[in-house]
N, C-alpha and C. Protein backbone atom coordinates (compact mmCIF):
# COMPACT_ATOMS: atom_id res chain seq x y z
N UNK A 1 -5.93 -9.48 -16.36
CA UNK A 1 -6.14 -10.06 -17.95
C UNK A 1 -4.94 -11.05 -18.27
N UNK A 2 -5.09 -11.34 -19.11
CA UNK A 2 -3.58 -12.69 -19.44
C UNK A 2 -3.92 -12.41 -21.43
N UNK A 3 -3.07 -12.31 -21.38
CA UNK A 3 -2.94 -12.24 -23.27
C UNK A 3 -2.01 -13.69 -23.59
N UNK A 4 -2.70 -14.63 -24.26
CA UNK A 4 -1.63 -15.43 -24.40
C UNK A 4 -1.37 -15.24 -26.25
N UNK A 5 -0.05 -15.80 -26.55
CA UNK A 5 0.44 -15.44 -28.03
C UNK A 5 -0.23 -16.97 -28.73
N UNK A 6 0.20 -17.81 -28.33
CA UNK A 6 0.05 -19.27 -28.70
C UNK A 6 -1.74 -19.69 -29.07
N UNK A 7 -2.42 -18.89 -28.58
CA UNK A 7 -3.82 -18.76 -29.05
C UNK A 7 -4.10 -18.15 -30.24
N UNK A 8 -3.17 -17.30 -30.58
CA UNK A 8 -3.59 -16.69 -31.87
C UNK A 8 -2.80 -17.07 -33.07
N UNK A 9 -3.33 -16.71 -34.11
CA UNK A 9 -2.23 -17.38 -35.18
C UNK A 9 -1.54 -16.31 -35.99
N UNK A 10 -0.08 -16.05 -35.53
CA UNK A 10 0.53 -15.02 -36.28
C UNK A 10 1.83 -15.62 -36.29
N UNK A 11 3.10 -14.93 -37.40
CA UNK A 11 4.31 -15.80 -37.59
C UNK A 11 5.19 -15.25 -35.85
N UNK A 12 4.54 -14.60 -35.19
CA UNK A 12 5.36 -14.84 -33.81
C UNK A 12 5.35 -15.96 -33.29
N UNK A 13 4.26 -17.04 -33.25
CA UNK A 13 4.11 -18.50 -33.15
C UNK A 13 5.24 -19.02 -33.80
N UNK A 14 6.02 -18.85 -35.16
CA UNK A 14 6.77 -19.57 -35.66
C UNK A 14 8.38 -19.24 -35.13
N UNK A 15 8.36 -17.79 -34.63
CA UNK A 15 9.42 -17.52 -33.72
C UNK A 15 9.27 -17.86 -32.40
N UNK A 16 8.49 -18.21 -31.79
CA UNK A 16 8.46 -18.77 -30.37
C UNK A 16 8.53 -20.55 -30.97
N UNK A 17 8.23 -21.10 -32.18
CA UNK A 17 8.41 -22.74 -31.89
C UNK A 17 10.28 -22.68 -32.18
N UNK A 18 10.71 -21.63 -33.06
CA UNK A 18 12.30 -21.97 -33.27
C UNK A 18 13.05 -22.13 -32.06
N UNK A 19 12.15 -21.06 -30.83
CA UNK A 19 12.89 -21.00 -29.69
C UNK A 19 13.14 -22.44 -29.11
N UNK A 20 12.01 -22.73 -29.11
CA UNK A 20 11.67 -24.59 -28.79
C UNK A 20 12.32 -25.19 -29.09
N UNK A 21 13.11 -25.14 -30.58
CA UNK A 21 13.66 -26.69 -31.65
C UNK A 21 14.89 -26.30 -30.91
N UNK A 22 15.41 -27.98 -30.63
CA UNK A 22 16.65 -28.23 -30.01
C UNK A 22 17.90 -27.84 -31.08
N UNK A 23 17.34 -28.29 -32.40
CA UNK A 23 18.65 -28.16 -33.18
C UNK A 23 18.68 -26.60 -33.59
N UNK A 24 17.70 -25.65 -33.85
CA UNK A 24 17.51 -24.58 -33.99
C UNK A 24 18.47 -23.58 -32.73
N UNK A 25 18.34 -24.17 -31.93
CA UNK A 25 18.99 -23.30 -30.83
C UNK A 25 20.58 -23.29 -30.54
N UNK A 26 20.98 -24.19 -31.55
CA UNK A 26 22.35 -24.67 -31.36
C UNK A 26 23.14 -23.21 -32.19
N UNK A 27 21.92 -22.48 -32.63
CA UNK A 27 22.74 -21.33 -33.53
C UNK A 27 22.05 -20.24 -32.54
N UNK A 28 23.41 -19.60 -31.28
CA UNK A 28 22.73 -18.72 -30.64
C UNK A 28 22.82 -17.65 -31.08
N UNK A 29 23.05 -16.91 -32.04
CA UNK A 29 22.53 -15.88 -32.78
C UNK A 29 21.20 -15.86 -32.87
N UNK A 30 20.59 -16.95 -33.57
CA UNK A 30 19.25 -17.17 -34.04
C UNK A 30 17.98 -16.86 -33.04
N UNK A 31 18.64 -18.03 -31.77
CA UNK A 31 17.86 -17.70 -30.65
C UNK A 31 17.76 -16.39 -30.41
N UNK A 32 18.76 -15.64 -30.28
CA UNK A 32 19.05 -14.25 -29.55
C UNK A 32 18.02 -13.39 -30.39
N UNK A 33 17.98 -13.45 -31.87
CA UNK A 33 17.27 -12.70 -32.80
C UNK A 33 15.59 -13.19 -32.27
N UNK A 34 15.34 -14.32 -32.40
CA UNK A 34 14.20 -14.49 -32.13
C UNK A 34 13.60 -14.38 -30.91
N UNK A 35 14.31 -14.44 -29.72
CA UNK A 35 14.03 -13.61 -28.55
C UNK A 35 13.95 -12.04 -28.75
N UNK A 36 14.31 -11.85 -29.50
CA UNK A 36 14.36 -9.73 -29.90
C UNK A 36 13.38 -9.92 -30.81
N UNK A 37 12.76 -10.43 -31.35
CA UNK A 37 11.40 -10.59 -32.36
C UNK A 37 10.39 -10.76 -31.71
N UNK A 38 10.23 -12.06 -30.60
CA UNK A 38 9.27 -11.65 -29.84
C UNK A 38 8.99 -10.32 -28.55
N UNK A 39 10.40 -9.77 -28.22
CA UNK A 39 9.96 -8.67 -27.82
C UNK A 39 9.25 -7.61 -28.72
N UNK A 40 9.74 -7.48 -29.45
CA UNK A 40 8.97 -6.52 -30.84
C UNK A 40 7.22 -6.56 -30.83
N UNK A 41 7.24 -8.02 -30.78
CA UNK A 41 5.87 -8.29 -31.44
C UNK A 41 4.83 -7.82 -30.03
N UNK A 42 5.88 -8.36 -28.56
CA UNK A 42 4.72 -8.08 -27.43
C UNK A 42 4.84 -6.72 -27.10
N UNK A 43 5.96 -5.94 -27.57
CA UNK A 43 5.77 -4.32 -27.53
C UNK A 43 4.43 -3.67 -28.63
N UNK A 44 4.47 -4.32 -29.39
CA UNK A 44 3.29 -3.38 -30.27
C UNK A 44 2.50 -3.72 -29.84
N UNK A 45 1.75 -4.85 -29.42
CA UNK A 45 0.50 -5.68 -28.84
C UNK A 45 0.14 -4.76 -27.66
N UNK A 46 1.38 -4.35 -26.54
CA UNK A 46 1.23 -3.25 -25.50
C UNK A 46 0.95 -2.02 -25.73
N UNK A 47 1.49 -1.60 -26.89
CA UNK A 47 0.99 -0.38 -27.49
C UNK A 47 0.32 0.38 -27.61
N UNK A 48 -0.87 -1.09 -27.80
CA UNK A 48 -2.46 -0.44 -28.17
C UNK A 48 -2.69 0.09 -26.89
N UNK A 49 -2.74 -0.51 -26.10
CA UNK A 49 -3.30 -0.22 -24.47
C UNK A 49 -3.05 0.75 -24.25
N UNK A 50 -1.66 1.39 -24.47
CA UNK A 50 -1.08 2.36 -23.90
C UNK A 50 -2.03 4.18 -24.56
N UNK A 51 -1.89 5.08 -23.96
CA UNK A 51 -2.51 6.45 -23.88
C UNK A 51 -1.66 7.38 -24.82
N UNK A 52 -2.56 7.92 -25.83
CA UNK A 52 -1.93 8.84 -26.68
C UNK A 52 -2.55 9.96 -26.59
N UNK A 53 -1.66 11.13 -27.29
CA UNK A 53 -2.56 12.23 -27.43
C UNK A 53 -2.37 12.60 -28.61
N UNK A 54 -3.20 13.35 -28.99
CA UNK A 54 -3.18 13.79 -31.04
C UNK A 54 -1.58 15.06 -30.83
N UNK A 55 -1.01 15.22 -31.88
CA UNK A 55 -0.20 16.28 -32.20
C UNK A 55 -0.26 16.53 -34.08
N UNK A 56 0.58 16.98 -34.24
CA UNK A 56 0.30 17.48 -35.83
C UNK A 56 2.11 17.42 -36.14
N UNK A 57 2.59 16.80 -37.59
CA UNK A 57 3.68 16.94 -37.92
C UNK A 57 3.77 17.84 -39.44
N UNK A 58 5.11 18.49 -39.54
CA UNK A 58 5.08 19.14 -40.57
C UNK A 58 5.71 18.56 -41.85
N UNK A 59 4.88 18.08 -43.30
CA UNK A 59 5.46 17.20 -43.92
C UNK A 59 6.11 18.46 -44.99
N UNK A 60 7.06 17.86 -46.03
CA UNK A 60 7.39 18.80 -47.21
C UNK A 60 6.26 19.99 -47.97
N UNK A 61 4.89 19.17 -47.53
CA UNK A 61 3.74 19.83 -48.50
C UNK A 61 2.89 20.18 -47.41
N UNK A 62 3.19 19.58 -46.16
CA UNK A 62 1.80 20.17 -45.38
C UNK A 62 1.96 20.15 -43.48
N UNK A 63 0.95 20.01 -42.98
CA UNK A 63 0.79 19.76 -41.73
C UNK A 63 -0.04 18.16 -41.83
N UNK A 64 0.29 16.95 -40.99
CA UNK A 64 -0.19 15.96 -41.08
C UNK A 64 -0.88 15.91 -39.46
N UNK A 65 -1.99 15.25 -39.63
CA UNK A 65 -2.48 14.86 -38.10
C UNK A 65 -1.90 14.01 -37.37
N UNK A 66 -1.46 13.64 -35.95
CA UNK A 66 -0.50 12.57 -35.99
C UNK A 66 -1.41 11.97 -34.31
N UNK A 67 -0.45 11.19 -34.13
CA UNK A 67 -0.90 10.64 -32.32
C UNK A 67 0.57 10.57 -31.91
N UNK A 68 0.53 10.91 -30.20
CA UNK A 68 1.81 10.18 -29.55
C UNK A 68 1.78 9.72 -28.34
N UNK A 69 2.80 9.06 -27.88
CA UNK A 69 2.28 8.77 -26.49
C UNK A 69 2.20 10.00 -25.36
N UNK A 70 1.19 10.00 -24.36
CA UNK A 70 0.97 10.35 -23.44
C UNK A 70 2.33 10.59 -22.71
N UNK A 71 3.03 9.32 -22.52
CA UNK A 71 4.22 8.64 -21.65
C UNK A 71 4.99 7.80 -22.01
N UNK A 72 5.88 7.97 -21.76
CA UNK A 72 6.84 6.67 -22.47
C UNK A 72 6.76 5.75 -20.94
N UNK A 73 6.55 4.49 -21.20
CA UNK A 73 6.65 3.26 -20.62
C UNK A 73 8.57 3.10 -19.93
N UNK A 74 8.38 2.47 -18.94
CA UNK A 74 9.75 2.17 -18.37
C UNK A 74 9.70 0.84 -18.50
N UNK A 75 10.93 0.14 -19.46
CA UNK A 75 11.49 -1.45 -19.86
C UNK A 75 12.17 -1.73 -18.46
N UNK A 76 11.77 -2.74 -17.58
CA UNK A 76 12.39 -3.51 -17.16
C UNK A 76 12.72 -5.14 -16.87
N UNK A 77 13.90 -5.12 -16.75
CA UNK A 77 14.07 -6.87 -16.94
C UNK A 77 14.96 -7.79 -16.38
N UNK A 78 15.42 -8.72 -16.48
CA UNK A 78 15.90 -9.43 -15.10
C UNK A 78 17.23 -9.96 -15.55
N UNK A 79 18.29 -9.47 -15.21
CA UNK A 79 19.60 -10.22 -15.59
C UNK A 79 19.95 -11.81 -15.42
N UNK A 80 20.45 -12.32 -16.48
CA UNK A 80 21.20 -11.69 -17.79
C UNK A 80 20.04 -12.40 -18.98
N UNK A 81 19.49 -13.39 -18.93
CA UNK A 81 18.49 -14.25 -19.74
C UNK A 81 17.79 -13.17 -20.21
N UNK A 82 16.97 -12.00 -19.90
CA UNK A 82 16.28 -11.02 -20.62
C UNK A 82 16.87 -10.18 -21.11
N UNK A 83 18.47 -10.03 -21.13
CA UNK A 83 18.72 -9.19 -22.26
C UNK A 83 18.18 -8.79 -23.83
N UNK A 84 18.21 -10.34 -24.47
CA UNK A 84 17.56 -10.12 -25.75
C UNK A 84 15.95 -9.77 -26.04
N UNK A 85 15.60 -9.96 -25.02
CA UNK A 85 14.05 -9.97 -24.93
C UNK A 85 13.99 -8.53 -24.55
N UNK A 86 14.56 -7.69 -23.59
CA UNK A 86 14.55 -6.39 -23.33
C UNK A 86 14.40 -6.17 -24.56
N UNK A 87 15.70 -6.19 -25.62
CA UNK A 87 16.39 -5.81 -26.83
C UNK A 87 14.92 -5.10 -27.75
N UNK A 88 14.35 -6.30 -27.97
CA UNK A 88 13.37 -6.57 -28.71
C UNK A 88 12.62 -5.21 -28.27
N UNK A 89 11.94 -5.07 -26.89
CA UNK A 89 11.27 -3.93 -26.54
C UNK A 89 11.55 -2.74 -26.78
N UNK A 90 12.85 -2.54 -26.51
CA UNK A 90 13.56 -1.35 -26.63
C UNK A 90 13.77 -0.96 -27.94
N UNK A 91 13.52 -1.66 -29.13
CA UNK A 91 13.79 -1.31 -30.54
C UNK A 91 12.30 -0.53 -31.19
N UNK A 92 11.11 -0.96 -30.11
CA UNK A 92 9.90 -0.55 -30.55
C UNK A 92 9.90 0.79 -29.91
N UNK A 93 10.01 0.53 -28.35
CA UNK A 93 9.44 1.86 -27.67
C UNK A 93 11.08 2.35 -27.33
N UNK A 94 11.48 3.15 -28.24
CA UNK A 94 13.04 3.81 -28.73
C UNK A 94 13.35 5.19 -28.09
N UNK A 95 12.24 5.08 -27.17
CA UNK A 95 12.42 6.77 -26.42
C UNK A 95 12.51 6.51 -24.98
N UNK A 96 11.70 4.93 -24.51
CA UNK A 96 11.61 4.28 -23.10
C UNK A 96 13.36 3.96 -22.25
N UNK A 97 13.06 4.49 -20.90
CA UNK A 97 13.90 4.21 -20.38
C UNK A 97 13.93 3.18 -19.79
N UNK A 98 14.94 2.59 -19.05
CA UNK A 98 15.17 0.94 -18.77
C UNK A 98 15.43 0.97 -16.94
N UNK A 99 15.21 -0.33 -16.99
CA UNK A 99 15.63 -0.69 -15.60
C UNK A 99 16.03 -2.14 -15.43
N UNK A 100 17.03 -2.54 -14.82
CA UNK A 100 17.81 -3.79 -14.53
C UNK A 100 18.09 -4.61 -13.14
N UNK A 101 17.71 -5.31 -13.01
CA UNK A 101 17.31 -6.14 -11.75
C UNK A 101 18.39 -7.94 -11.98
N UNK A 102 20.05 -7.84 -11.45
CA UNK A 102 20.05 -8.82 -11.06
C UNK A 102 19.65 -9.50 -9.93
N UNK A 103 19.40 -10.97 -10.03
CA UNK A 103 18.83 -11.77 -9.63
C UNK A 103 18.91 -13.52 -10.11
N UNK A 104 19.14 -14.13 -8.86
CA UNK A 104 19.23 -15.47 -9.48
C UNK A 104 18.92 -16.80 -8.55
N UNK A 105 18.51 -18.11 -8.74
CA UNK A 105 18.47 -18.86 -7.69
C UNK A 105 19.99 -19.53 -7.06
N UNK A 106 19.62 -19.34 -5.49
CA UNK A 106 20.76 -20.15 -4.83
C UNK A 106 20.29 -20.85 -4.45
N UNK A 107 21.16 -22.38 -4.93
CA UNK A 107 20.40 -24.02 -4.38
C UNK A 107 21.14 -23.79 -2.93
N UNK A 108 20.30 -24.73 -2.06
CA UNK A 108 20.16 -24.89 -0.43
C UNK A 108 21.07 -26.26 -0.39
N UNK A 109 21.24 -26.49 0.78
CA UNK A 109 21.33 -28.24 1.34
C UNK A 109 20.19 -28.54 0.96
N UNK A 110 18.98 -28.55 1.43
CA UNK A 110 17.71 -29.00 1.24
C UNK A 110 17.18 -29.21 -0.25
N UNK A 111 18.17 -28.94 -1.10
CA UNK A 111 17.65 -29.28 -2.45
C UNK A 111 16.60 -28.33 -2.97
N UNK A 112 16.41 -27.54 -2.18
CA UNK A 112 15.37 -26.67 -2.47
C UNK A 112 16.22 -25.29 -3.26
N UNK A 113 15.99 -24.05 -3.49
CA UNK A 113 16.39 -23.02 -3.44
C UNK A 113 15.54 -21.40 -2.97
N UNK A 114 16.30 -20.72 -3.40
CA UNK A 114 15.87 -18.93 -2.93
C UNK A 114 15.91 -18.32 -3.83
N UNK A 115 15.48 -17.15 -3.82
CA UNK A 115 15.83 -16.03 -5.20
C UNK A 115 16.83 -15.35 -4.45
N UNK A 116 17.79 -14.88 -4.77
CA UNK A 116 18.89 -13.65 -4.51
C UNK A 116 19.12 -12.73 -5.42
N UNK A 117 19.01 -11.27 -4.75
CA UNK A 117 18.55 -10.20 -5.43
C UNK A 117 20.20 -9.38 -5.23
N UNK A 118 21.02 -9.21 -6.26
CA UNK A 118 22.05 -8.52 -5.85
C UNK A 118 21.94 -6.59 -6.35
N UNK A 119 21.24 -6.30 -7.33
CA UNK A 119 21.36 -5.12 -8.26
C UNK A 119 20.25 -4.60 -8.59
N UNK A 120 20.07 -3.49 -8.41
CA UNK A 120 19.06 -2.73 -8.96
C UNK A 120 19.59 -1.71 -9.48
N UNK A 121 19.01 -1.46 -10.55
CA UNK A 121 19.58 0.50 -11.41
C UNK A 121 17.92 0.46 -12.09
N UNK A 122 17.75 1.61 -11.90
CA UNK A 122 16.15 2.20 -12.06
C UNK A 122 15.90 3.53 -12.05
N UNK A 123 15.17 4.01 -13.16
CA UNK A 123 14.80 5.28 -13.11
C UNK A 123 13.77 5.79 -12.17
N UNK A 124 12.94 6.87 -11.69
CA UNK A 124 11.76 7.14 -10.87
C UNK A 124 10.78 6.39 -11.98
N UNK A 125 10.09 5.34 -11.11
CA UNK A 125 8.95 4.67 -11.85
C UNK A 125 7.85 5.88 -11.31
N UNK A 126 7.96 6.50 -9.94
CA UNK A 126 6.07 6.62 -9.87
C UNK A 126 5.60 7.23 -11.14
N UNK A 127 4.47 6.89 -10.82
CA UNK A 127 3.16 6.95 -11.75
C UNK A 127 3.50 6.89 -13.02
N UNK A 128 4.43 5.73 -13.39
CA UNK A 128 4.73 5.19 -15.05
C UNK A 128 4.26 4.14 -14.77
N UNK A 129 4.15 3.66 -15.98
CA UNK A 129 3.50 2.11 -16.65
C UNK A 129 5.23 1.68 -16.67
N UNK A 130 5.05 0.60 -16.34
CA UNK A 130 6.12 -0.45 -15.94
C UNK A 130 5.53 -1.99 -16.75
N UNK A 131 6.94 -2.06 -17.69
CA UNK A 131 6.74 -3.23 -18.51
C UNK A 131 7.68 -4.34 -18.12
N UNK A 132 7.83 -5.38 -17.39
CA UNK A 132 8.62 -6.35 -16.93
C UNK A 132 8.79 -7.36 -17.71
N UNK A 133 9.74 -7.27 -18.43
CA UNK A 133 9.96 -9.01 -19.22
C UNK A 133 11.07 -9.86 -18.73
N UNK A 134 10.56 -11.11 -18.41
CA UNK A 134 11.55 -12.40 -18.40
C UNK A 134 11.27 -13.29 -19.02
N UNK A 135 11.95 -14.14 -20.05
CA UNK A 135 11.68 -15.10 -21.20
C UNK A 135 11.03 -16.46 -20.41
N UNK A 136 10.85 -16.85 -19.11
CA UNK A 136 10.53 -17.75 -18.65
C UNK A 136 10.31 -17.32 -17.26
N UNK A 137 8.69 -17.77 -17.07
CA UNK A 137 8.03 -17.69 -16.08
C UNK A 137 7.85 -18.93 -15.15
N UNK A 138 8.88 -19.33 -14.50
CA UNK A 138 8.31 -20.87 -14.09
C UNK A 138 7.86 -20.94 -12.77
N UNK A 139 8.19 -20.97 -11.36
CA UNK A 139 7.98 -20.91 -10.01
C UNK A 139 7.36 -19.18 -10.01
N UNK A 140 7.72 -18.08 -10.78
CA UNK A 140 7.42 -17.02 -10.44
C UNK A 140 7.70 -16.23 -9.36
N UNK A 141 9.03 -17.14 -8.62
CA UNK A 141 9.33 -16.45 -7.63
C UNK A 141 10.10 -15.16 -7.59
N UNK A 142 10.86 -15.29 -8.58
CA UNK A 142 12.09 -13.98 -9.11
C UNK A 142 11.31 -12.86 -9.63
N UNK A 143 10.12 -13.14 -10.74
CA UNK A 143 9.17 -11.94 -10.85
C UNK A 143 8.56 -11.83 -10.04
N UNK A 144 8.01 -12.13 -9.47
CA UNK A 144 7.53 -11.29 -7.86
C UNK A 144 7.92 -10.49 -7.08
N UNK A 145 9.19 -11.17 -6.95
CA UNK A 145 10.53 -10.32 -5.89
C UNK A 145 10.37 -9.09 -6.52
N UNK A 146 10.94 -9.47 -7.87
CA UNK A 146 11.76 -8.10 -8.59
C UNK A 146 10.51 -7.11 -8.97
N UNK A 147 9.35 -7.45 -8.58
CA UNK A 147 8.06 -6.58 -9.07
C UNK A 147 8.06 -5.81 -8.21
N UNK A 148 8.28 -6.53 -6.71
CA UNK A 148 7.22 -6.13 -5.65
C UNK A 148 9.03 -5.37 -5.52
N UNK A 149 10.20 -5.52 -5.16
CA UNK A 149 10.93 -4.49 -4.93
C UNK A 149 10.98 -3.13 -5.93
N UNK A 150 10.79 -3.38 -7.18
CA UNK A 150 10.90 -1.64 -7.75
C UNK A 150 9.32 -1.09 -7.19
N UNK A 151 8.43 -1.80 -6.92
CA UNK A 151 7.14 -1.53 -6.55
C UNK A 151 7.56 -0.44 -5.25
N UNK A 152 8.28 -1.55 -4.06
CA UNK A 152 8.32 -0.78 -2.90
C UNK A 152 8.97 0.63 -2.89
N UNK A 153 10.06 0.75 -3.69
CA UNK A 153 10.63 2.17 -3.88
C UNK A 153 10.05 3.00 -4.22
N UNK A 154 8.88 2.83 -5.29
CA UNK A 154 8.26 3.77 -6.42
C UNK A 154 6.72 3.45 -5.66
N UNK A 155 6.20 4.08 -7.11
CA UNK A 155 4.67 3.83 -6.76
C UNK A 155 4.15 4.03 -8.35
N UNK A 156 4.27 2.98 -8.86
CA UNK A 156 4.19 3.00 -10.11
C UNK A 156 2.23 2.69 -10.56
N UNK A 157 2.07 3.61 -12.03
CA UNK A 157 0.49 3.52 -11.92
C UNK A 157 0.16 1.90 -12.77
N UNK A 158 0.70 1.56 -13.23
CA UNK A 158 0.54 0.40 -14.37
C UNK A 158 1.63 -0.83 -14.26
N UNK A 159 0.91 -1.83 -14.25
CA UNK A 159 2.44 -2.97 -14.40
C UNK A 159 1.85 -4.23 -15.62
N UNK A 160 2.85 -4.39 -16.32
CA UNK A 160 3.03 -5.08 -17.60
C UNK A 160 3.85 -5.93 -17.39
N UNK A 161 3.14 -7.66 -17.26
CA UNK A 161 4.23 -8.46 -17.21
C UNK A 161 4.17 -9.81 -18.28
N UNK A 162 5.76 -9.73 -18.88
CA UNK A 162 5.70 -10.35 -20.20
C UNK A 162 6.66 -11.68 -19.98
N UNK A 163 6.00 -12.71 -20.58
CA UNK A 163 7.36 -13.76 -20.47
C UNK A 163 7.20 -14.59 -22.02
N UNK A 164 7.73 -15.11 -22.27
CA UNK A 164 7.80 -15.89 -23.60
C UNK A 164 7.23 -17.45 -23.19
N UNK A 165 7.42 -17.77 -22.52
CA UNK A 165 6.93 -19.11 -21.65
C UNK A 165 6.80 -19.27 -20.09
N UNK A 166 5.56 -19.51 -20.09
CA UNK A 166 5.28 -20.04 -18.28
C UNK A 166 4.56 -20.68 -18.08
N UNK A 167 4.57 -21.42 -16.73
CA UNK A 167 3.96 -22.77 -16.30
C UNK A 167 2.80 -22.30 -15.65
N UNK A 168 1.40 -22.91 -15.64
CA UNK A 168 0.79 -22.73 -15.02
C UNK A 168 0.90 -22.20 -13.29
N UNK A 169 1.71 -22.66 -12.78
CA UNK A 169 1.88 -22.30 -11.40
C UNK A 169 2.90 -20.97 -11.20
N UNK A 170 3.19 -20.89 -12.14
CA UNK A 170 3.91 -19.69 -12.06
C UNK A 170 2.97 -18.38 -12.29
N UNK A 171 1.82 -18.31 -13.13
CA UNK A 171 1.01 -17.45 -13.74
C UNK A 171 0.17 -17.04 -12.55
N UNK A 172 -0.13 -18.56 -11.62
CA UNK A 172 -0.86 -18.65 -10.41
C UNK A 172 -0.39 -17.91 -9.42
N UNK A 173 1.03 -17.63 -9.07
CA UNK A 173 1.63 -17.10 -8.17
C UNK A 173 1.81 -15.70 -8.62
N UNK A 174 1.92 -15.28 -9.79
CA UNK A 174 2.34 -13.50 -10.11
C UNK A 174 0.79 -13.11 -9.82
N UNK A 175 -0.69 -13.85 -10.78
CA UNK A 175 -2.03 -13.34 -10.35
C UNK A 175 -2.43 -13.05 -8.64
N UNK A 176 -2.05 -13.93 -7.84
CA UNK A 176 -2.24 -13.82 -6.80
C UNK A 176 -1.37 -12.66 -5.96
N UNK A 177 -0.23 -12.47 -6.58
CA UNK A 177 0.65 -11.08 -5.74
C UNK A 177 0.04 -9.68 -6.52
N UNK A 178 -0.43 -9.99 -7.94
CA UNK A 178 -0.13 -8.73 -8.83
C UNK A 178 -1.47 -8.79 -9.39
N UNK A 179 -2.87 -8.83 -8.92
CA UNK A 179 -4.18 -9.07 -9.38
C UNK A 179 -4.52 -7.99 -10.62
N UNK A 180 -4.13 -7.17 -10.43
CA UNK A 180 -3.81 -5.82 -11.43
C UNK A 180 -3.00 -6.05 -12.60
N UNK A 181 -2.39 -6.14 -12.64
CA UNK A 181 -0.99 -6.60 -13.68
C UNK A 181 -1.69 -7.09 -15.06
N UNK A 182 -1.77 -6.88 -15.87
CA UNK A 182 -1.90 -7.39 -17.11
C UNK A 182 -0.25 -8.18 -17.69
N UNK A 183 -1.19 -9.61 -18.02
CA UNK A 183 -0.10 -10.24 -17.94
C UNK A 183 0.16 -11.25 -19.81
N UNK A 184 1.46 -10.71 -20.53
CA UNK A 184 1.34 -11.11 -22.06
C UNK A 184 2.25 -12.41 -21.81
N UNK A 185 1.69 -13.56 -22.35
CA UNK A 185 2.34 -14.92 -22.37
C UNK A 185 2.28 -15.15 -23.75
N UNK A 186 3.91 -15.87 -23.93
CA UNK A 186 3.70 -16.36 -25.53
C UNK A 186 3.00 -17.62 -25.50
N UNK A 187 3.38 -18.73 -24.34
CA UNK A 187 2.61 -19.83 -24.18
C UNK A 187 3.00 -20.41 -22.87
N UNK A 188 1.37 -21.15 -22.44
CA UNK A 188 1.44 -21.65 -21.13
C UNK A 188 1.74 -22.92 -21.40
N UNK A 189 2.47 -23.76 -20.44
CA UNK A 189 2.74 -25.31 -20.04
C UNK A 189 2.34 -25.40 -18.91
N UNK A 190 2.07 -26.78 -18.93
CA UNK A 190 1.15 -26.86 -17.28
C UNK A 190 2.40 -27.84 -16.62
N UNK A 191 3.78 -28.57 -17.02
CA UNK A 191 4.73 -29.15 -16.16
C UNK A 191 5.62 -28.51 -15.80
N UNK A 192 6.57 -28.44 -14.31
CA UNK A 192 7.82 -28.56 -14.29
C UNK A 192 8.58 -29.52 -13.52
N UNK A 193 9.65 -29.59 -14.06
CA UNK A 193 10.57 -30.72 -13.05
C UNK A 193 10.97 -30.42 -12.06
N UNK A 194 11.38 -31.40 -11.39
CA UNK A 194 11.27 -31.24 -9.54
C UNK A 194 12.58 -29.73 -9.49
N UNK A 195 13.28 -29.62 -10.45
CA UNK A 195 14.36 -28.60 -10.32
C UNK A 195 13.67 -27.16 -10.45
N UNK A 196 12.17 -27.13 -10.95
CA UNK A 196 11.34 -25.95 -11.38
C UNK A 196 11.60 -25.62 -12.99
N UNK A 197 12.22 -26.29 -13.63
CA UNK A 197 12.05 -26.06 -15.17
C UNK A 197 11.11 -26.34 -15.87
N UNK A 198 10.48 -25.36 -16.72
CA UNK A 198 9.11 -25.48 -17.50
C UNK A 198 9.58 -26.95 -18.25
N UNK A 199 8.27 -27.65 -18.13
CA UNK A 199 8.14 -28.65 -19.68
C UNK A 199 7.01 -27.98 -20.15
N UNK A 200 6.91 -28.37 -21.80
CA UNK A 200 8.52 -28.80 -22.43
C UNK A 200 9.27 -27.48 -22.40
N UNK A 201 8.78 -26.36 -22.32
CA UNK A 201 9.39 -25.44 -22.44
C UNK A 201 10.33 -25.29 -23.19
N UNK A 202 11.66 -24.55 -23.01
CA UNK A 202 12.96 -24.88 -24.16
C UNK A 202 13.92 -24.67 -23.36
N UNK A 203 14.76 -24.81 -22.59
CA UNK A 203 15.53 -25.08 -21.54
C UNK A 203 15.99 -23.80 -20.97
N UNK A 204 17.20 -23.84 -20.65
CA UNK A 204 18.04 -22.36 -19.50
C UNK A 204 18.24 -21.06 -20.67
N UNK A 205 17.29 -20.19 -20.92
CA UNK A 205 17.25 -19.15 -21.46
C UNK A 205 18.72 -18.52 -21.94
N UNK A 206 19.10 -18.35 -21.00
CA UNK A 206 20.42 -17.26 -20.33
C UNK A 206 21.57 -17.98 -21.44
N UNK A 207 21.92 -19.69 -20.88
CA UNK A 207 23.05 -20.71 -21.28
C UNK A 207 22.36 -20.31 -23.05
N UNK A 208 21.21 -20.48 -23.24
CA UNK A 208 21.14 -20.44 -25.13
C UNK A 208 21.53 -19.56 -25.52
N UNK A 209 21.23 -18.21 -24.73
CA UNK A 209 21.59 -16.77 -25.26
C UNK A 209 23.03 -16.47 -25.44
N UNK A 210 23.56 -16.62 -24.72
CA UNK A 210 25.09 -16.33 -24.04
C UNK A 210 26.45 -17.53 -23.48
N UNK A 211 25.57 -18.94 -23.54
CA UNK A 211 26.89 -19.87 -23.30
C UNK A 211 26.58 -20.60 -21.84
N UNK A 212 26.88 -21.49 -21.50
CA UNK A 212 26.49 -21.97 -20.59
C UNK A 212 27.22 -21.25 -19.21
N UNK A 213 26.73 -21.28 -17.58
CA UNK A 213 27.46 -20.43 -16.62
C UNK A 213 27.97 -21.52 -15.91
N UNK A 214 28.83 -21.35 -15.14
CA UNK A 214 29.64 -22.11 -14.02
C UNK A 214 28.82 -22.02 -12.78
């Protein structure tokens, strides 16, 4: 299953267009907040697919029938670009546990790059629902590596992969490795540069949120 936000008219598409706008991007606080808003939107959409059970709530005037999640998902993200996006999910799933992975591109002499992973901090994911959120899905290499790392350590029940912008190539790579995963994408762009940046994309999400890195 692939859910593509840009195919449905909603206010979330306004937030997405602002994330892409090179003039609005100059306001880093607004960039982070728009990323957070999209995380909230995706969290709400994903919540519709989860399992619930009936419960009751005592009000000042009586008892109201309600529902609650059978199980909280685990929210995972890739540092550092994923942090504001992750916060949006945490605003909605406010009782969920979180997993964090530090992964980055390492440039090679050949001009190519490989993905380096330095850090993984995760709760027990056995038989749980994982929501892996990363703003940009370019080649899909880092997303696949990070998901495989979590899955190799645990046996999760379900995997949701969420990105604000993805390339067609990245989508294909993820689906080839995780055919049963549910993909939630803001917009799918067809092109990438020779350095694997999505076109038109929005640029480097980490730099736009937190400043250029050396």
